[in-house]
């Protein structure tokens, strides 16, 4: 099972997204900042690392679990924890993997539209969290086998 963290970061009524393109991806896509938790790494340490690498921002305070998606696919099992985060600093992506091309503050409606363009991304948990329809920490189980 792979453990993944991602961050919901807001500033001035905008959401932070990163534009990334992994090898083999036909085109770049926009995502919430985040990535895999490394062996021996805590969730908060992984979140701090991913935010710093992908955006240049520094996590402040303790993040709150916004939602969890437990996903089973034909290729594996993933638990993705998305946190509501406070940050400081200026955008300065420095992704050592070279996947992140840029980071941008985006209107929430446009952010959701960009996320919907990612075939495998499920926008429902994020939409429910942002609208207040689901409490922080809601768990979503998805089976796509």
C-alpha atoms as a PDB file:
ATOM      1  CA  UNK A   1       0.000   0.000   0.000  1.00  0.00           C
ATOM      2  CA  UNK A   2       1.225   3.489  -0.835  1.00  0.00           C
ATOM      3  CA  UNK A   3       0.643   6.377   1.541  1.00  0.00           C
ATOM      4  CA  UNK A   4       0.171   9.794  -0.057  1.00  0.00           C
ATOM      5  CA  UNK A   5      -0.238  13.281   1.421  1.00  0.00           C
ATOM      6  CA  UNK A   6      -1.563  16.407  -0.250  1.00  0.00           C
ATOM      7  CA  UNK A   7      -2.252  19.957   0.871  1.00  0.00           C
ATOM      8  CA  UNK A   8      -5.192  22.302   0.565  1.00  0.00           C
ATOM      9  CA  UNK A   9      -3.657  25.756   0.803  1.00  0.00           C
ATOM     10  CA  UNK A  10      -5.721  28.904   0.473  1.00  0.00           C
ATOM     11  CA  UNK A  11      -4.693  32.536   0.237  1.00  0.00           C
ATOM     12  CA  UNK A  12      -6.845  35.559  -0.638  1.00  0.00           C
ATOM     13  CA  UNK A  13      -9.788  33.344  -1.674  1.00  0.00           C
ATOM     14  CA  UNK A  14      -7.579  31.294  -4.014  1.00  0.00           C
ATOM     15  CA  UNK A  15      -6.369  27.689  -3.902  1.00  0.00           C
ATOM     16  CA  UNK A  16      -2.822  26.591  -4.559  1.00  0.00           C
ATOM     17  CA  UNK A  17      -2.253  24.146  -7.415  1.00  0.00           C
ATOM     18  CA  UNK A  18       0.950  22.810  -8.951  1.00  0.00           C
ATOM     19  CA  UNK A  19       1.422  22.041 -12.621  1.00  0.00           C
ATOM     20  CA  UNK A  20       3.298  18.786 -13.039  1.00  0.00           C
ATOM     21  CA  UNK A  21       4.270  16.328 -15.728  1.00  0.00           C
ATOM     22  CA  UNK A  22       5.799  12.964 -14.908  1.00  0.00           C
ATOM     23  CA  UNK A  23       7.741  10.966 -17.504  1.00  0.00           C
ATOM     24  CA  UNK A  24       5.270   9.261 -19.816  1.00  0.00           C
ATOM     25  CA  UNK A  25       2.482  11.777 -19.165  1.00  0.00           C
ATOM     26  CA  UNK A  26       1.247  13.091 -22.525  1.00  0.00           C
ATOM     27  CA  UNK A  27       0.713  16.589 -21.106  1.00  0.00           C
ATOM     28  CA  UNK A  28       1.035  18.484 -17.815  1.00  0.00           C
ATOM     29  CA  UNK A  29      -1.790  18.437 -15.278  1.00  0.00           C
ATOM     30  CA  UNK A  30      -2.731  20.614 -12.310  1.00  0.00           C
ATOM     31  CA  UNK A  31      -2.894  19.020  -8.848  1.00  0.00           C
ATOM     32  CA  UNK A  32      -2.890  19.858  -5.173  1.00  0.00           C
ATOM     33  CA  UNK A  33       0.709  19.874  -3.926  1.00  0.00           C
ATOM     34  CA  UNK A  34       1.753  16.568  -2.399  1.00  0.00           C
ATOM     35  CA  UNK A  35       3.242  13.154  -2.965  1.00  0.00           C
ATOM     36  CA  UNK A  36       4.289   9.833  -1.466  1.00  0.00           C
ATOM     37  CA  UNK A  37       5.294   9.423   2.155  1.00  0.00           C
ATOM     38  CA  UNK A  38       8.811   7.999   2.304  1.00  0.00           C
ATOM     39  CA  UNK A  39       9.710   5.030   4.525  1.00  0.00           C
ATOM     40  CA  UNK A  40      10.253   6.213   8.102  1.00  0.00           C
ATOM     41  CA  UNK A  41       8.756   9.647   7.416  1.00  0.00           C
ATOM     42  CA  UNK A  42       5.845  11.034   9.438  1.00  0.00           C
ATOM     43  CA  UNK A  43       2.794  12.426   7.658  1.00  0.00           C
ATOM     44  CA  UNK A  44       3.588  15.990   8.743  1.00  0.00           C
ATOM     45  CA  UNK A  45       7.257  15.637   7.725  1.00  0.00           C
ATOM     46  CA  UNK A  46       6.165  14.378   4.292  1.00  0.00           C
ATOM     47  CA  UNK A  47       3.713  17.262   3.948  1.00  0.00           C
ATOM     48  CA  UNK A  48       6.403  19.806   4.894  1.00  0.00           C
ATOM     49  CA  UNK A  49       8.850  18.261   2.416  1.00  0.00           C
ATOM     50  CA  UNK A  50       6.359  18.116  -0.453  1.00  0.00           C
ATOM     51  CA  UNK A  51       5.199  21.714   0.116  1.00  0.00           C
ATOM     52  CA  UNK A  52       8.786  22.967   0.223  1.00  0.00           C
ATOM     53  CA  UNK A  53       9.839  21.039  -2.892  1.00  0.00           C
ATOM     54  CA  UNK A  54       6.773  21.704  -5.015  1.00  0.00           C
ATOM     55  CA  UNK A  55       5.935  25.262  -3.953  1.00  0.00           C
ATOM     56  CA  UNK A  56       8.745  26.737  -1.856  1.00  0.00           C
ATOM     57  CA  UNK A  57       6.224  27.427   0.931  1.00  0.00           C
ATOM     58  CA  UNK A  58       6.750  26.582   4.599  1.00  0.00           C
ATOM     59  CA  UNK A  59       4.057  24.786   6.592  1.00  0.00           C
ATOM     60  CA  UNK A  60       3.116  26.681   9.761  1.00  0.00           C
ATOM     61  CA  UNK A  61       1.238  25.218  12.705  1.00  0.00           C
ATOM     62  CA  UNK A  62      -0.358  21.804  12.674  1.00  0.00           C
ATOM     63  CA  UNK A  63      -2.312  20.800   9.576  1.00  0.00           C
ATOM     64  CA  UNK A  64      -5.856  19.432   9.915  1.00  0.00           C
ATOM     65  CA  UNK A  65      -6.957  16.293   8.072  1.00  0.00           C
ATOM     66  CA  UNK A  66      -9.487  17.543   5.512  1.00  0.00           C
ATOM     67  CA  UNK A  67     -10.314  14.109   4.083  1.00  0.00           C
ATOM     68  CA  UNK A  68      -8.932  10.643   3.418  1.00  0.00           C
ATOM     69  CA  UNK A  69      -9.389   8.620   0.236  1.00  0.00           C
ATOM     70  CA  UNK A  70      -8.741   4.878   0.476  1.00  0.00           C
ATOM     71  CA  UNK A  71      -8.385   3.732  -3.134  1.00  0.00           C
ATOM     72  CA  UNK A  72      -7.999   0.252  -4.586  1.00  0.00           C
ATOM     73  CA  UNK A  73      -7.085  -0.077  -8.259  1.00  0.00           C
ATOM     74  CA  UNK A  74      -5.914  -2.898 -10.495  1.00  0.00           C
ATOM     75  CA  UNK A  75      -2.329  -1.778  -9.842  1.00  0.00           C
ATOM     76  CA  UNK A  76      -2.434  -1.355  -6.065  1.00  0.00           C
ATOM     77  CA  UNK A  77      -3.850   0.194  -2.936  1.00  0.00           C
ATOM     78  CA  UNK A  78      -3.429   3.816  -1.928  1.00  0.00           C
ATOM     79  CA  UNK A  79      -4.348   5.827   1.131  1.00  0.00           C
ATOM     80  CA  UNK A  80      -4.315   9.538   0.363  1.00  0.00           C
ATOM     81  CA  UNK A  81      -4.593  11.977   3.257  1.00  0.00           C
ATOM     82  CA  UNK A  82      -5.368  15.559   2.293  1.00  0.00           C
ATOM     83  CA  UNK A  83      -4.643  18.242   4.881  1.00  0.00           C
ATOM     84  CA  UNK A  84      -5.940  21.788   5.304  1.00  0.00           C
ATOM     85  CA  UNK A  85      -2.726  23.790   5.740  1.00  0.00           C
ATOM     86  CA  UNK A  86      -1.472  27.209   6.704  1.00  0.00           C
ATOM     87  CA  UNK A  87       1.764  28.306   5.056  1.00  0.00           C
ATOM     88  CA  UNK A  88       4.121  31.231   4.779  1.00  0.00           C
ATOM     89  CA  UNK A  89       6.554  32.364   2.135  1.00  0.00           C
ATOM     90  CA  UNK A  90       6.535  32.974  -1.593  1.00  0.00           C
ATOM     91  CA  UNK A  91       6.040  30.540  -4.449  1.00  0.00           C
ATOM     92  CA  UNK A  92       9.390  29.122  -5.568  1.00  0.00           C
ATOM     93  CA  UNK A  93       9.041  25.504  -6.769  1.00  0.00           C
ATOM     94  CA  UNK A  94      12.242  23.446  -6.569  1.00  0.00           C
ATOM     95  CA  UNK A  95      11.146  19.863  -7.270  1.00  0.00           C
ATOM     96  CA  UNK A  96      14.168  17.520  -7.176  1.00  0.00           C
ATOM     97  CA  UNK A  97      12.236  15.018  -9.313  1.00  0.00           C
ATOM     98  CA  UNK A  98      11.682  17.648 -12.002  1.00  0.00           C
ATOM     99  CA  UNK A  99       7.950  16.901 -12.323  1.00  0.00           C
ATOM    100  CA  UNK A 100       6.601  20.241 -11.052  1.00  0.00           C
ATOM    101  CA  UNK A 101       6.729  22.948 -13.703  1.00  0.00           C
ATOM    102  CA  UNK A 102       4.960  25.746 -11.820  1.00  0.00           C
ATOM    103  CA  UNK A 103       2.717  26.631  -8.893  1.00  0.00           C
ATOM    104  CA  UNK A 104      -0.165  29.093  -8.968  1.00  0.00           C
ATOM    105  CA  UNK A 105      -2.886  30.616  -6.802  1.00  0.00           C
ATOM    106  CA  UNK A 106      -6.122  29.729  -8.583  1.00  0.00           C
ATOM    107  CA  UNK A 107      -9.779  30.700  -8.295  1.00  0.00           C
ATOM    108  CA  UNK A 108     -11.522  27.746  -6.535  1.00  0.00           C
ATOM    109  CA  UNK A 109     -13.960  27.146  -9.415  1.00  0.00           C
ATOM    110  CA  UNK A 110     -11.096  27.125 -11.913  1.00  0.00           C
ATOM    111  CA  UNK A 111      -9.051  24.891  -9.585  1.00  0.00           C
ATOM    112  CA  UNK A 112     -11.835  22.296  -9.498  1.00  0.00           C
ATOM    113  CA  UNK A 113     -12.181  22.508 -13.287  1.00  0.00           C
ATOM    114  CA  UNK A 114      -8.441  21.876 -13.675  1.00  0.00           C
ATOM    115  CA  UNK A 115      -8.590  18.935 -11.260  1.00  0.00           C
ATOM    116  CA  UNK A 116     -11.540  17.441 -13.158  1.00  0.00           C
ATOM    117  CA  UNK A 117      -9.288  17.271 -16.231  1.00  0.00           C
ATOM    118  CA  UNK A 118      -7.132  14.690 -14.427  1.00  0.00           C
ATOM    119  CA  UNK A 119      -8.705  11.367 -15.369  1.00  0.00           C
ATOM    120  CA  UNK A 120      -7.949   9.527 -12.126  1.00  0.00           C
ATOM    121  CA  UNK A 121      -8.596  12.391  -9.652  1.00  0.00           C
ATOM    122  CA  UNK A 122     -11.865  12.257  -7.693  1.00  0.00           C
ATOM    123  CA  UNK A 123     -13.022  15.849  -7.012  1.00  0.00           C
ATOM    124  CA  UNK A 124     -15.976  14.879  -4.797  1.00  0.00           C
ATOM    125  CA  UNK A 125     -14.060  14.814  -1.469  1.00  0.00           C
ATOM    126  CA  UNK A 126     -12.470  18.204  -2.164  1.00  0.00           C
ATOM    127  CA  UNK A 127     -15.762  19.746  -3.305  1.00  0.00           C
ATOM    128  CA  UNK A 128     -17.541  18.432  -0.196  1.00  0.00           C
ATOM    129  CA  UNK A 129     -14.789  19.727   2.105  1.00  0.00           C
ATOM    130  CA  UNK A 130     -14.633  23.183   0.509  1.00  0.00           C
ATOM    131  CA  UNK A 131     -18.428  23.585   0.565  1.00  0.00           C
ATOM    132  CA  UNK A 132     -18.728  22.430   4.180  1.00  0.00           C
ATOM    133  CA  UNK A 133     -20.928  19.478   3.141  1.00  0.00           C
ATOM    134  CA  UNK A 134     -18.502  17.048   4.800  1.00  0.00           C
ATOM    135  CA  UNK A 135     -16.714  17.518   8.115  1.00  0.00           C
ATOM    136  CA  UNK A 136     -12.922  17.545   8.352  1.00  0.00           C
ATOM    137  CA  UNK A 137     -11.551  13.998   8.462  1.00  0.00           C
ATOM    138  CA  UNK A 138     -14.240  12.431   6.250  1.00  0.00           C
ATOM    139  CA  UNK A 139     -13.167   9.084   4.757  1.00  0.00           C
ATOM    140  CA  UNK A 140     -13.997   8.020   1.202  1.00  0.00           C
ATOM    141  CA  UNK A 141     -13.498   4.420   0.067  1.00  0.00           C
ATOM    142  CA  UNK A 142     -13.102   3.876  -3.672  1.00  0.00           C
ATOM    143  CA  UNK A 143     -12.711   0.535  -5.470  1.00  0.00           C
ATOM    144  CA  UNK A 144     -11.652   0.890  -9.099  1.00  0.00           C
ATOM    145  CA  UNK A 145     -10.544  -2.662  -9.782  1.00  0.00           C
END
